[in-house]
């Protein structure tokens, strides 16, 4: 039989040797493991697993055929019920083994020993030449003989449990006609089939422009510095993880900028989307006695602030300014950001949601981004989360007049009143904080204590600080160079670096009873100097089982 119109399987319907392998780690054998099955004939070896061969495996799955008549490996991947791909590989021809003198018996066959180093792993193979076939449970040692045991780093073993001579019938899925591809695209297709990708934005420009608010299915606000899209999300299983990916390039702007990916909660009387459409002054006002009014930054009974999914910072001019040459510097073409946002799965699952991206800038070229969500199944089951965005002082509508987060210049700082209607288990506050004020005495460059109190009790007291910004120099071609040999992108900052994500702090609160709560954030914000001032972008989200 010919597998899917490609390599001819010459042993179908005739007696072959079937070898069943089990695995163990540190001498312990897991229960209900998926056994490796090898079907070996003099000219060919089919490597598969029990679940794959019997049609009980979840997609995607693979099998490989070692075709010694052509001296190559034929790879087959079954991505779903309708789609399969195939590619050829000849890497097994170049394997170099150290043959050793040791021998031992496995299943009554005298086996010899060979050793090979693969990616810093020591692999020991025990093979026999007392059978008229060759094969192995992996690609390693296929031409040594019949490998009956493979041991990695002395503790991870795949060992033959049974050898039978029998006829086999190939499963029906092998009748699919696969798409022929090269090895790199084959591996990439398998990788991408293991998770679900939900595109958010593709090649989206975020710039300062007076263009209209609608561009296809993308809504643009605040002179183009905010883009929003309505996304239909599938149901997210309790054993799934959710990741957010974003790639950024300069499209004209040379400066490091604050960016955020956010979800707009719409379950209350008023939402942030209303402010985007109708103006920042229509959002609920927050005051603390310092004489300023801050729009839409705290939760109220009728309003929920934007739920921050990712805080990121653009580097200095990546891609657009790569023509700036420095000896020994090979600039990166784009900066990738990736963050686990599984905590917010309940806010996404099986819903139509508004997801937006903001990058503050006044440049008509601005920045270009591509963003996706990816869903990864198969992890441990997680309890369903309750999610309560409490505050978000990042002025997403900066270019439409939203006030900067300068409320920490008063003793009161930021204060949020909220109610929990039913007891919460295993609650945490996800707190993201970054300090801003880009001159020598500004809070961007001066460490400042962040203190959070819940009903008057201190739950967080820490100086958020990043001292690793120099690690990202190759993302920053337009970063200014100073007389002391440092660049602007090297300098330590208040919990952010140009070209990085700022992760939230997870503040464990334990079980919370139903009732009214007051949360207060205090930061000793620095005083203005001339037209320069400091601000703190902080967001807080209560999550609980």
Protein backbone atom coordinates (compact mmCIF):
# COMPACT_ATOMS: atom_id res chain seq x y z
CA UNK A 1 0.00 0.00 0.00
CA UNK A 2 1.15 3.55 -0.75
CA UNK A 3 0.78 5.99 2.14
CA UNK A 4 -1.35 8.87 0.89
CA UNK A 5 0.07 8.74 -2.61
CA UNK A 6 3.66 9.10 -1.40
CA UNK A 7 6.04 6.41 -0.12
CA UNK A 8 5.19 2.80 -0.86
CA UNK A 9 4.71 0.71 2.30
CA UNK A 10 5.98 -2.67 1.20
CA UNK A 11 5.12 -4.62 4.36
CA UNK A 12 1.36 -4.01 4.42
CA UNK A 13 -0.42 -7.35 4.55
CA UNK A 14 2.75 -9.43 4.98
CA UNK A 15 4.43 -10.58 8.22
CA UNK A 16 6.52 -7.86 9.93
CA UNK A 17 8.07 -7.48 13.35
CA UNK A 18 6.00 -5.37 15.72
CA UNK A 19 7.94 -4.03 18.71
CA UNK A 20 6.05 -2.44 21.62
CA UNK A 21 8.01 0.04 23.76
CA UNK A 22 7.21 1.48 27.17
CA UNK A 23 8.81 4.51 28.83
CA UNK A 24 10.05 5.18 32.36
CA UNK A 25 11.70 8.01 34.26
CA UNK A 26 14.02 7.37 37.21
CA UNK A 27 12.82 3.78 37.18
CA UNK A 28 9.14 4.75 37.51
CA UNK A 29 6.71 3.71 34.78
CA UNK A 30 3.68 5.99 34.29
CA UNK A 31 0.27 4.34 34.13
CA UNK A 32 -1.86 4.40 30.98
CA UNK A 33 1.04 5.57 28.85
CA UNK A 34 0.82 5.79 25.09
CA UNK A 35 3.10 2.95 23.97
CA UNK A 36 5.45 3.41 21.05
CA UNK A 37 4.83 0.91 18.25
CA UNK A 38 7.49 0.08 15.66
CA UNK A 39 6.69 -2.09 12.62
CA UNK A 40 9.94 -3.32 11.07
CA UNK A 41 10.57 -5.09 7.78
CA UNK A 42 13.94 -5.60 6.05
CA UNK A 43 13.61 -2.46 3.90
CA UNK A 44 11.33 -0.23 5.94
CA UNK A 45 10.38 0.76 9.49
CA UNK A 46 7.16 2.47 10.51
CA UNK A 47 7.36 4.41 13.82
CA UNK A 48 4.08 5.37 15.49
CA UNK A 49 2.22 5.04 18.80
CA UNK A 50 -0.64 2.87 19.97
CA UNK A 51 -3.14 5.74 20.08
CA UNK A 52 -2.06 7.18 16.75
CA UNK A 53 -2.18 3.87 14.90
CA UNK A 54 -5.56 2.88 16.34
CA UNK A 55 -7.14 6.28 15.65
CA UNK A 56 -7.57 7.20 19.32
CA UNK A 57 -5.10 10.09 19.41
CA UNK A 58 -6.02 13.76 19.49
CA UNK A 59 -4.95 15.88 16.55
CA UNK A 60 -2.30 16.70 15.57
CA UNK A 61 -0.29 13.49 15.47
CA UNK A 62 2.57 12.11 13.41
CA UNK A 63 4.15 8.93 12.16
CA UNK A 64 7.37 8.35 10.28
CA UNK A 65 8.47 5.80 7.72
CA UNK A 66 12.17 4.97 7.42
CA UNK A 67 12.54 3.94 3.79
CA UNK A 68 15.94 2.30 3.48
CA UNK A 69 15.48 1.69 -0.24
CA UNK A 70 15.71 5.49 -0.67
CA UNK A 71 17.79 6.09 2.46
CA UNK A 72 15.47 8.75 3.84
CA UNK A 73 12.72 9.35 6.39
CA UNK A 74 9.21 10.17 5.22
CA UNK A 75 7.29 12.24 7.80
CA UNK A 76 3.50 12.42 7.96
CA UNK A 77 1.44 14.77 10.10
CA UNK A 78 -2.33 14.57 10.47
CA UNK A 79 -3.48 18.04 11.52
CA UNK A 80 -7.22 17.30 11.61
CA UNK A 81 -9.75 14.96 10.03
CA UNK A 82 -9.29 16.52 6.59
CA UNK A 83 -5.78 17.92 6.50
CA UNK A 84 -2.46 16.11 6.37
CA UNK A 85 1.04 17.06 5.24
CA UNK A 86 4.23 15.20 4.42
CA UNK A 87 7.94 15.99 4.11
CA UNK A 88 11.21 14.13 3.70
CA UNK A 89 14.23 14.20 5.98
CA UNK A 90 17.68 12.67 5.55
CA UNK A 91 19.22 13.75 8.88
CA UNK A 92 19.48 10.18 10.18
CA UNK A 93 22.15 9.44 7.55
CA UNK A 94 24.67 11.70 9.32
CA UNK A 95 24.32 10.39 12.89
CA UNK A 96 27.74 9.61 14.39
CA UNK A 97 27.77 6.99 17.16
CA UNK A 98 30.46 5.92 19.59
CA UNK A 99 30.29 2.12 19.56
CA UNK A 100 31.12 0.61 22.94
CA UNK A 101 32.12 -2.85 24.17
CA UNK A 102 29.30 -3.35 26.71
CA UNK A 103 26.53 -5.86 26.03
CA UNK A 104 23.35 -7.02 27.75
CA UNK A 105 20.29 -9.15 27.06
CA UNK A 106 16.87 -7.60 26.38
CA UNK A 107 13.90 -9.91 25.74
CA UNK A 108 16.34 -12.75 25.10
CA UNK A 109 18.38 -10.91 22.45
CA UNK A 110 22.04 -10.00 22.92
CA UNK A 111 22.34 -6.20 22.57
CA UNK A 112 25.35 -3.99 21.89
CA UNK A 113 25.79 -0.43 23.14
CA UNK A 114 26.21 2.84 21.21
CA UNK A 115 26.34 6.43 22.45
CA UNK A 116 25.62 9.80 20.86
CA UNK A 117 25.38 13.42 22.13
CA UNK A 118 22.32 15.34 20.90
CA UNK A 119 21.72 18.95 22.01
CA UNK A 120 23.88 18.37 25.12
CA UNK A 121 21.91 15.21 25.98
CA UNK A 122 23.74 11.90 26.29
CA UNK A 123 21.79 9.17 24.50
CA UNK A 124 22.69 5.49 25.01
CA UNK A 125 21.25 2.93 22.59
CA UNK A 126 21.11 -0.85 23.07
CA UNK A 127 20.61 -2.62 19.74
CA UNK A 128 20.64 -6.17 18.45
CA UNK A 129 21.63 -7.65 15.10
CA UNK A 130 20.05 -11.04 15.89
CA UNK A 131 16.87 -10.18 13.95
CA UNK A 132 16.64 -9.63 10.17
CA UNK A 133 15.27 -6.08 10.54
CA UNK A 134 16.42 -2.66 11.67
CA UNK A 135 14.53 0.03 13.53
CA UNK A 136 14.26 2.17 16.67
CA UNK A 137 11.56 3.93 18.72
CA UNK A 138 12.91 7.33 17.58
CA UNK A 139 14.91 8.56 14.62
CA UNK A 140 18.14 7.79 16.51
CA UNK A 141 19.96 4.57 15.58
CA UNK A 142 17.67 3.46 12.80
CA UNK A 143 20.60 1.99 10.87
CA UNK A 144 22.46 0.40 13.82
CA UNK A 145 20.24 -2.67 14.05
CA UNK A 146 17.04 -3.13 16.03
CA UNK A 147 17.24 -0.75 19.00
CA UNK A 148 15.54 -2.32 22.02
CA UNK A 149 16.36 0.38 24.56
CA UNK A 150 17.13 4.09 24.43
CA UNK A 151 18.31 5.91 27.59
CA UNK A 152 18.60 9.72 27.77
CA UNK A 153 20.86 11.26 30.43
CA UNK A 154 20.81 8.07 32.47
CA UNK A 155 17.24 8.44 33.73
CA UNK A 156 14.76 8.59 30.84
CA UNK A 157 14.27 5.20 29.20
CA UNK A 158 12.30 3.81 26.24
CA UNK A 159 12.55 0.00 26.36
CA UNK A 160 11.08 -2.81 24.27
CA UNK A 161 8.44 -4.81 26.15
CA UNK A 162 7.32 -7.22 23.46
CA UNK A 163 8.38 -8.41 19.97
CA UNK A 164 5.78 -10.07 17.75
CA UNK A 165 5.83 -11.24 14.16
CA UNK A 166 2.46 -10.54 12.54
CA UNK A 167 0.58 -9.11 9.59
CA UNK A 168 -0.78 -5.59 9.90
CA UNK A 169 -3.57 -3.62 8.29
CA UNK A 170 -2.87 0.05 7.80
CA UNK A 171 -5.45 2.43 9.36
CA UNK A 172 -7.88 4.36 7.19
CA UNK A 173 -6.39 7.79 7.96
CA UNK A 174 -3.32 6.83 5.94
CA UNK A 175 -5.50 7.01 2.81
CA UNK A 176 -5.63 10.81 3.13
CA UNK A 177 -3.67 12.55 0.39
CA UNK A 178 -1.21 14.83 2.17
CA UNK A 179 0.14 18.11 0.94
CA UNK A 180 3.84 17.84 0.14
CA UNK A 181 5.95 20.51 1.82
CA UNK A 182 9.50 21.20 2.91
CA UNK A 183 10.76 20.21 6.34
CA UNK A 184 10.69 23.70 7.86
CA UNK A 185 7.09 24.36 6.80
CA UNK A 186 6.12 20.85 7.92
CA UNK A 187 7.38 21.49 11.45
CA UNK A 188 5.81 24.93 11.53
CA UNK A 189 2.41 23.58 10.47
CA UNK A 190 2.49 20.96 13.23
CA UNK A 191 3.45 23.57 15.81
CA UNK A 192 0.69 25.96 14.81
CA UNK A 193 -1.93 23.21 14.75
CA UNK A 194 -1.36 22.57 18.45
CA UNK A 195 -3.12 25.79 19.46
CA UNK A 196 -5.81 28.18 18.25
CA UNK A 197 -4.75 31.60 16.98
CA UNK A 198 -7.20 34.51 17.13
CA UNK A 199 -5.93 37.49 15.09
CA UNK A 200 -6.50 40.89 16.67
CA UNK A 201 -4.60 43.36 14.47
CA UNK A 202 -2.37 42.74 11.44
CA UNK A 203 0.08 45.40 10.25
CA UNK A 204 -2.01 48.02 12.06
CA UNK A 205 -0.65 51.58 12.08
CA UNK A 206 -1.08 53.54 15.32
CA UNK A 207 -0.21 57.15 14.58
CA UNK A 208 -1.26 60.73 15.20
CA UNK A 209 -3.68 61.52 12.40
CA UNK A 210 -6.95 63.31 11.84
CA UNK A 211 -8.22 60.44 9.69
CA UNK A 212 -11.74 59.19 10.38
CA UNK A 213 -12.71 56.91 13.25
CA UNK A 214 -13.48 53.89 11.08
CA UNK A 215 -11.04 51.89 8.95
CA UNK A 216 -12.71 48.63 7.94
CA UNK A 217 -13.48 46.71 11.11
CA UNK A 218 -10.98 48.77 13.13
CA UNK A 219 -12.21 51.76 15.15
CA UNK A 220 -9.69 54.60 15.58
CA UNK A 221 -9.87 57.14 18.39
CA UNK A 222 -7.81 59.94 19.96
CA UNK A 223 -6.42 61.09 16.61
CA UNK A 224 -5.47 57.54 15.63
CA UNK A 225 -3.41 56.68 18.73
CA UNK A 226 -6.05 54.15 19.88
CA UNK A 227 -7.31 51.29 17.74
CA UNK A 228 -10.23 49.11 18.86
CA UNK A 229 -11.71 45.99 17.33
CA UNK A 230 -14.73 43.85 18.19
CA UNK A 231 -13.60 40.22 18.52
CA UNK A 232 -15.80 37.10 18.71
CA UNK A 233 -14.07 34.81 21.18
CA UNK A 234 -14.65 31.04 21.32
CA UNK A 235 -15.32 29.18 24.56
CA UNK A 236 -12.10 28.70 26.54
CA UNK A 237 -11.77 25.36 28.30
CA UNK A 238 -10.86 25.25 31.98
CA UNK A 239 -7.61 23.46 31.07
CA UNK A 240 -6.55 26.07 28.52
CA UNK A 241 -3.93 28.79 28.76
CA UNK A 242 -4.32 32.13 27.00
CA UNK A 243 -1.38 34.12 25.64
CA UNK A 244 -1.22 37.56 24.07
CA UNK A 245 1.41 38.25 21.40
CA UNK A 246 2.25 41.65 19.98
CA UNK A 247 4.97 42.69 17.54
CA UNK A 248 5.91 46.38 17.15
CA UNK A 249 7.98 48.37 14.66
CA UNK A 250 8.50 52.09 14.30
CA UNK A 251 6.67 53.53 11.31
CA UNK A 252 8.23 56.97 11.79
CA UNK A 253 8.33 57.69 15.54
CA UNK A 254 11.83 57.60 17.03
CA UNK A 255 10.88 57.73 20.73
CA UNK A 256 10.10 55.18 23.42
CA UNK A 257 6.38 55.27 24.12
CA UNK A 258 3.90 53.81 26.59
CA UNK A 259 1.66 51.15 25.11
CA UNK A 260 -1.19 49.07 26.46
CA UNK A 261 -3.49 46.33 25.23
CA UNK A 262 -6.84 46.56 26.97
CA UNK A 263 -10.32 45.05 27.05
CA UNK A 264 -13.32 47.33 27.43
CA UNK A 265 -15.87 45.90 29.91
CA UNK A 266 -19.38 46.70 28.71
CA UNK A 267 -21.61 45.10 31.33
CA UNK A 268 -22.56 48.28 33.19
CA UNK A 269 -24.55 51.42 32.44
CA UNK A 270 -21.45 53.24 31.17
CA UNK A 271 -18.22 51.99 29.57
CA UNK A 272 -14.90 53.35 28.38
CA UNK A 273 -16.20 52.90 24.84
CA UNK A 274 -18.72 55.69 25.56
CA UNK A 275 -15.83 57.98 26.41
CA UNK A 276 -14.00 57.07 23.22
CA UNK A 277 -17.07 57.86 21.14
CA UNK A 278 -18.43 60.85 23.03
CA UNK A 279 -15.40 62.50 24.58
CA UNK A 280 -13.29 62.02 27.68
CA UNK A 281 -15.41 64.41 29.77
CA UNK A 282 -18.34 61.99 29.59
CA UNK A 283 -16.42 59.43 31.70
CA UNK A 284 -16.89 59.30 35.50
CA UNK A 285 -14.71 61.88 37.22
CA UNK A 286 -12.30 61.14 40.07
CA UNK A 287 -10.97 63.87 42.37
CA UNK A 288 -8.83 63.66 45.49
CA UNK A 289 -8.52 67.28 46.55
CA UNK A 290 -5.44 68.25 44.54
CA UNK A 291 -7.46 70.49 42.23
CA UNK A 292 -7.44 68.20 39.18
CA UNK A 293 -10.09 65.94 37.65
CA UNK A 294 -9.18 62.47 36.38
CA UNK A 295 -11.53 60.82 33.90
CA UNK A 296 -12.57 57.15 33.89
CA UNK A 297 -9.80 55.82 36.13
CA UNK A 298 -11.69 54.03 38.95
CA UNK A 299 -14.60 51.60 39.15
CA UNK A 300 -18.01 52.90 40.22
CA UNK A 301 -21.37 51.12 40.60
CA UNK A 302 -22.15 52.12 36.99
CA UNK A 303 -18.70 51.98 35.35
CA UNK A 304 -15.76 49.60 35.00
CA UNK A 305 -12.38 50.96 33.83
CA UNK A 306 -10.45 49.28 30.99
CA UNK A 307 -9.06 45.86 31.89
CA UNK A 308 -5.35 46.00 31.10
CA UNK A 309 -4.18 42.84 29.33
CA UNK A 310 -0.59 43.97 28.68
CA UNK A 311 1.55 47.03 29.48
CA UNK A 312 4.39 47.41 26.98
CA UNK A 313 6.91 50.05 25.98
CA UNK A 314 8.15 50.70 22.48
CA UNK A 315 11.89 51.01 21.96
CA UNK A 316 13.61 53.92 20.27
CA UNK A 317 12.82 53.64 16.56
CA UNK A 318 13.18 49.92 15.85
CA UNK A 319 13.11 49.08 12.12
CA UNK A 320 12.45 52.62 10.83
CA UNK A 321 15.77 53.92 12.20
CA UNK A 322 17.92 50.83 11.61
CA UNK A 323 19.96 52.89 9.12
CA UNK A 324 21.75 54.44 12.13
CA UNK A 325 25.00 52.52 12.12
CA UNK A 326 27.17 51.74 15.13
CA UNK A 327 30.07 49.35 14.98
CA UNK A 328 29.23 46.00 16.51
CA UNK A 329 25.48 46.70 16.63
CA UNK A 330 23.12 44.65 14.48
CA UNK A 331 19.69 46.16 15.14
CA UNK A 332 16.63 43.94 15.52
CA UNK A 333 13.84 44.28 12.94
CA UNK A 334 10.91 44.15 15.38
CA UNK A 335 10.31 43.80 19.10
CA UNK A 336 8.15 40.83 20.18
CA UNK A 337 6.06 40.98 23.34
CA UNK A 338 4.35 37.87 24.74
CA UNK A 339 2.41 37.53 27.98
CA UNK A 340 0.35 34.87 29.73
CA UNK A 341 -3.12 36.36 30.30
CA UNK A 342 -4.88 33.19 31.47
CA UNK A 343 -6.05 35.09 34.57
CA UNK A 344 -8.48 36.95 32.31
CA UNK A 345 -9.91 33.94 30.46
CA UNK A 346 -13.34 34.38 32.07
CA UNK A 347 -13.56 37.90 30.64
CA UNK A 348 -12.89 36.54 27.14
CA UNK A 349 -14.53 33.11 26.94
CA UNK A 350 -17.43 32.76 24.50
CA UNK A 351 -18.03 36.50 24.28
CA UNK A 352 -17.94 39.36 21.83
CA UNK A 353 -15.39 41.74 23.31
CA UNK A 354 -13.84 45.08 22.43
CA UNK A 355 -10.04 44.88 22.51
CA UNK A 356 -7.92 47.96 21.96
CA UNK A 357 -4.27 49.00 21.67
CA UNK A 358 -2.89 52.42 22.58
CA UNK A 359 0.58 53.81 21.85
CA UNK A 360 1.07 57.40 22.89
CA UNK A 361 2.70 59.45 20.11
CA UNK A 362 2.39 62.63 18.08
CA UNK A 363 4.01 61.30 14.91
CA UNK A 364 2.12 60.96 11.62
CA UNK A 365 4.03 57.77 10.84
CA UNK A 366 3.75 56.43 14.36
CA UNK A 367 4.08 52.70 14.97
CA UNK A 368 3.01 49.46 13.30
CA UNK A 369 1.76 46.46 15.27
CA UNK A 370 0.52 42.92 14.78
CA UNK A 371 -1.28 41.24 17.69
CA UNK A 372 -2.84 37.82 18.30
CA UNK A 373 -4.35 35.76 21.07
CA UNK A 374 -3.44 32.08 21.27
CA UNK A 375 -5.37 29.38 23.16
CA UNK A 376 -3.41 26.34 24.36
CA UNK A 377 -5.34 23.30 25.60
CA UNK A 378 -4.18 20.41 27.71
CA UNK A 379 -2.97 22.03 30.93
CA UNK A 380 -4.28 21.38 34.42
CA UNK A 381 -7.89 22.32 35.12
CA UNK A 382 -8.23 25.76 36.67
CA UNK A 383 -11.16 27.03 38.72
CA UNK A 384 -13.40 29.57 37.05
CA UNK A 385 -12.22 33.10 37.81
CA UNK A 386 -14.16 36.16 38.89
CA UNK A 387 -12.59 39.32 37.52
CA UNK A 388 -13.09 42.87 38.84
CA UNK A 389 -11.09 45.71 37.23
CA UNK A 390 -10.79 48.31 40.01
CA UNK A 391 -8.59 51.08 38.63
CA UNK A 392 -6.51 52.05 35.60
CA UNK A 393 -4.80 55.44 35.66
CA UNK A 394 -2.98 55.05 32.33
CA UNK A 395 -4.41 57.90 30.26
CA UNK A 396 -5.26 55.86 27.18
CA UNK A 397 -7.03 58.90 25.72
CA UNK A 398 -3.93 61.06 26.24
CA UNK A 399 -4.16 62.50 22.73
CA UNK A 400 -7.85 63.32 23.32
CA UNK A 401 -7.33 65.25 26.54
CA UNK A 402 -7.42 62.59 29.29
CA UNK A 403 -5.53 63.84 32.34
CA UNK A 404 -2.13 62.39 33.24
CA UNK A 405 -2.02 60.26 36.41
CA UNK A 406 -0.67 62.91 38.78
CA UNK A 407 -3.09 62.16 41.63
CA UNK A 408 -0.29 60.76 43.81
CA UNK A 409 0.91 64.25 44.71
CA UNK A 410 -1.65 64.28 47.53
CA UNK A 411 -1.75 62.28 50.77
CA UNK A 412 -4.94 60.56 49.63
CA UNK A 413 -3.35 59.28 46.43
CA UNK A 414 -5.72 56.99 44.54
CA UNK A 415 -8.73 55.67 46.43
CA UNK A 416 -11.26 53.13 45.15
CA UNK A 417 -14.47 52.04 46.87
CA UNK A 418 -16.01 48.75 45.75
CA UNK A 419 -18.38 46.09 46.95
CA UNK A 420 -18.07 42.29 46.91
CA UNK A 421 -21.54 40.77 46.73
CA UNK A 422 -20.56 37.18 47.58
CA UNK A 423 -17.49 35.70 49.34
CA UNK A 424 -14.40 35.20 47.16
CA UNK A 425 -11.89 32.38 47.43
CA UNK A 426 -8.16 32.71 46.80
CA UNK A 427 -8.33 36.36 45.76
CA UNK A 428 -5.39 38.31 44.36
CA UNK A 429 -4.81 41.85 43.15
CA UNK A 430 -2.90 42.04 39.84
CA UNK A 431 -1.10 45.36 40.13
CA UNK A 432 0.81 46.93 37.22
CA UNK A 433 2.82 50.08 37.93
CA UNK A 434 5.24 52.26 35.96
CA UNK A 435 6.67 55.65 36.88
CA UNK A 436 7.04 58.50 34.39
CA UNK A 437 8.76 61.86 34.33
CA UNK A 438 11.56 61.82 31.82
CA UNK A 439 14.19 64.16 33.23
CA UNK A 440 16.90 63.67 35.82
CA UNK A 441 14.71 64.26 38.86
CA UNK A 442 11.55 62.78 37.28
CA UNK A 443 9.95 59.66 38.70
CA UNK A 444 10.93 57.68 35.60
CA UNK A 445 14.50 57.70 36.90
CA UNK A 446 13.98 58.00 40.67
CA UNK A 447 12.98 54.91 42.75
CA UNK A 448 9.70 55.47 44.59
CA UNK A 449 7.90 53.34 47.16
CA UNK A 450 4.48 52.00 46.10
CA UNK A 451 2.16 51.27 49.04
CA UNK A 452 -1.29 49.70 48.74
CA UNK A 453 -3.77 49.49 51.61
CA UNK A 454 -6.99 47.47 51.72
CA UNK A 455 -9.40 48.72 54.38
CA UNK A 456 -6.47 50.48 56.03
CA UNK A 457 -4.19 47.41 56.11
CA UNK A 458 -0.97 47.46 54.06
CA UNK A 459 -1.03 44.66 51.49
CA UNK A 460 1.88 45.82 49.29
CA UNK A 461 4.93 47.94 49.99
CA UNK A 462 7.70 47.83 47.39
CA UNK A 463 9.93 49.95 45.16
CA UNK A 464 9.22 48.88 41.54
CA UNK A 465 12.44 49.19 39.56
CA UNK A 466 14.11 47.78 36.43
CA UNK A 467 17.91 47.65 36.31
CA UNK A 468 18.20 45.44 33.21
CA UNK A 469 17.32 47.97 30.48
CA UNK A 470 20.75 47.71 28.87
CA UNK A 471 19.88 44.13 27.88
CA UNK A 472 17.62 45.52 25.14
CA UNK A 473 20.04 47.89 23.42
CA UNK A 474 19.69 46.13 20.05
CA UNK A 475 15.98 47.04 19.98
CA UNK A 476 16.88 50.75 20.23
CA UNK A 477 18.74 52.13 17.19
CA UNK A 478 17.62 55.74 17.80
CA UNK A 479 18.47 55.78 21.51
CA UNK A 480 20.50 58.84 22.46
CA UNK A 481 24.17 58.27 23.37
CA UNK A 482 25.75 60.13 26.28
CA UNK A 483 29.28 61.32 26.95
CA UNK A 484 29.75 58.70 29.68
CA UNK A 485 29.32 55.80 27.22
CA UNK A 486 25.72 54.98 28.13
CA UNK A 487 22.65 55.21 25.91
CA UNK A 488 19.22 56.40 27.01
CA UNK A 489 17.82 52.88 26.59
CA UNK A 490 20.46 51.56 29.04
CA UNK A 491 19.21 53.61 31.97
CA UNK A 492 17.33 51.97 34.85
CA UNK A 493 13.72 53.03 35.21
CA UNK A 494 10.66 52.83 37.44
CA UNK A 495 9.59 49.31 36.47
CA UNK A 496 9.93 49.56 32.68
CA UNK A 497 12.50 49.49 29.91
CA UNK A 498 12.23 50.59 26.27
CA UNK A 499 11.25 47.47 24.33
CA UNK A 500 9.80 45.33 27.13
CA UNK A 501 6.60 44.22 28.82
CA UNK A 502 5.92 45.27 32.41
CA UNK A 503 4.44 42.34 34.30
CA UNK A 504 1.83 42.81 37.03
CA UNK A 505 2.63 42.07 40.66
CA UNK A 506 0.41 39.33 42.08
CA UNK A 507 -0.66 40.41 45.57
CA UNK A 508 -2.27 37.49 47.39
CA UNK A 509 -5.30 38.52 49.48
CA UNK A 510 -6.67 35.11 50.47
CA UNK A 511 -10.41 34.65 51.02
CA UNK A 512 -12.51 37.81 51.08
CA UNK A 513 -15.91 38.13 52.73
CA UNK A 514 -18.83 39.89 51.08
CA UNK A 515 -19.02 43.58 51.93
CA UNK A 516 -17.70 47.05 51.18
CA UNK A 517 -13.99 47.67 50.65
CA UNK A 518 -11.69 50.65 50.23
CA UNK A 519 -8.40 50.27 48.38
CA UNK A 520 -5.79 53.02 48.46
CA UNK A 521 -2.59 53.41 46.38
CA UNK A 522 0.06 55.80 47.71
CA UNK A 523 3.25 56.87 45.90
CA UNK A 524 5.50 59.83 46.91
CA UNK A 525 5.22 61.46 43.51
CA UNK A 526 7.95 63.98 42.70
CA UNK A 527 7.23 67.68 42.34
CA UNK A 528 7.09 69.39 38.91
CA UNK A 529 10.09 71.35 37.61
CA UNK A 530 9.05 74.05 35.17
CA UNK A 531 6.86 72.35 32.55
CA UNK A 532 8.13 68.87 33.49
CA UNK A 533 6.05 66.70 35.80
CA UNK A 534 5.90 63.12 37.07
CA UNK A 535 3.01 60.64 36.81
CA UNK A 536 2.30 57.01 37.70
CA UNK A 537 0.37 54.67 35.45
CA UNK A 538 -1.10 52.00 37.72
CA UNK A 539 -3.81 49.42 37.09
CA UNK A 540 -5.38 46.96 39.49
CA UNK A 541 -7.56 43.94 38.77
CA UNK A 542 -9.09 41.73 41.47
CA UNK A 543 -9.17 38.06 40.45
CA UNK A 544 -10.56 35.22 42.54
CA UNK A 545 -11.93 31.69 42.27
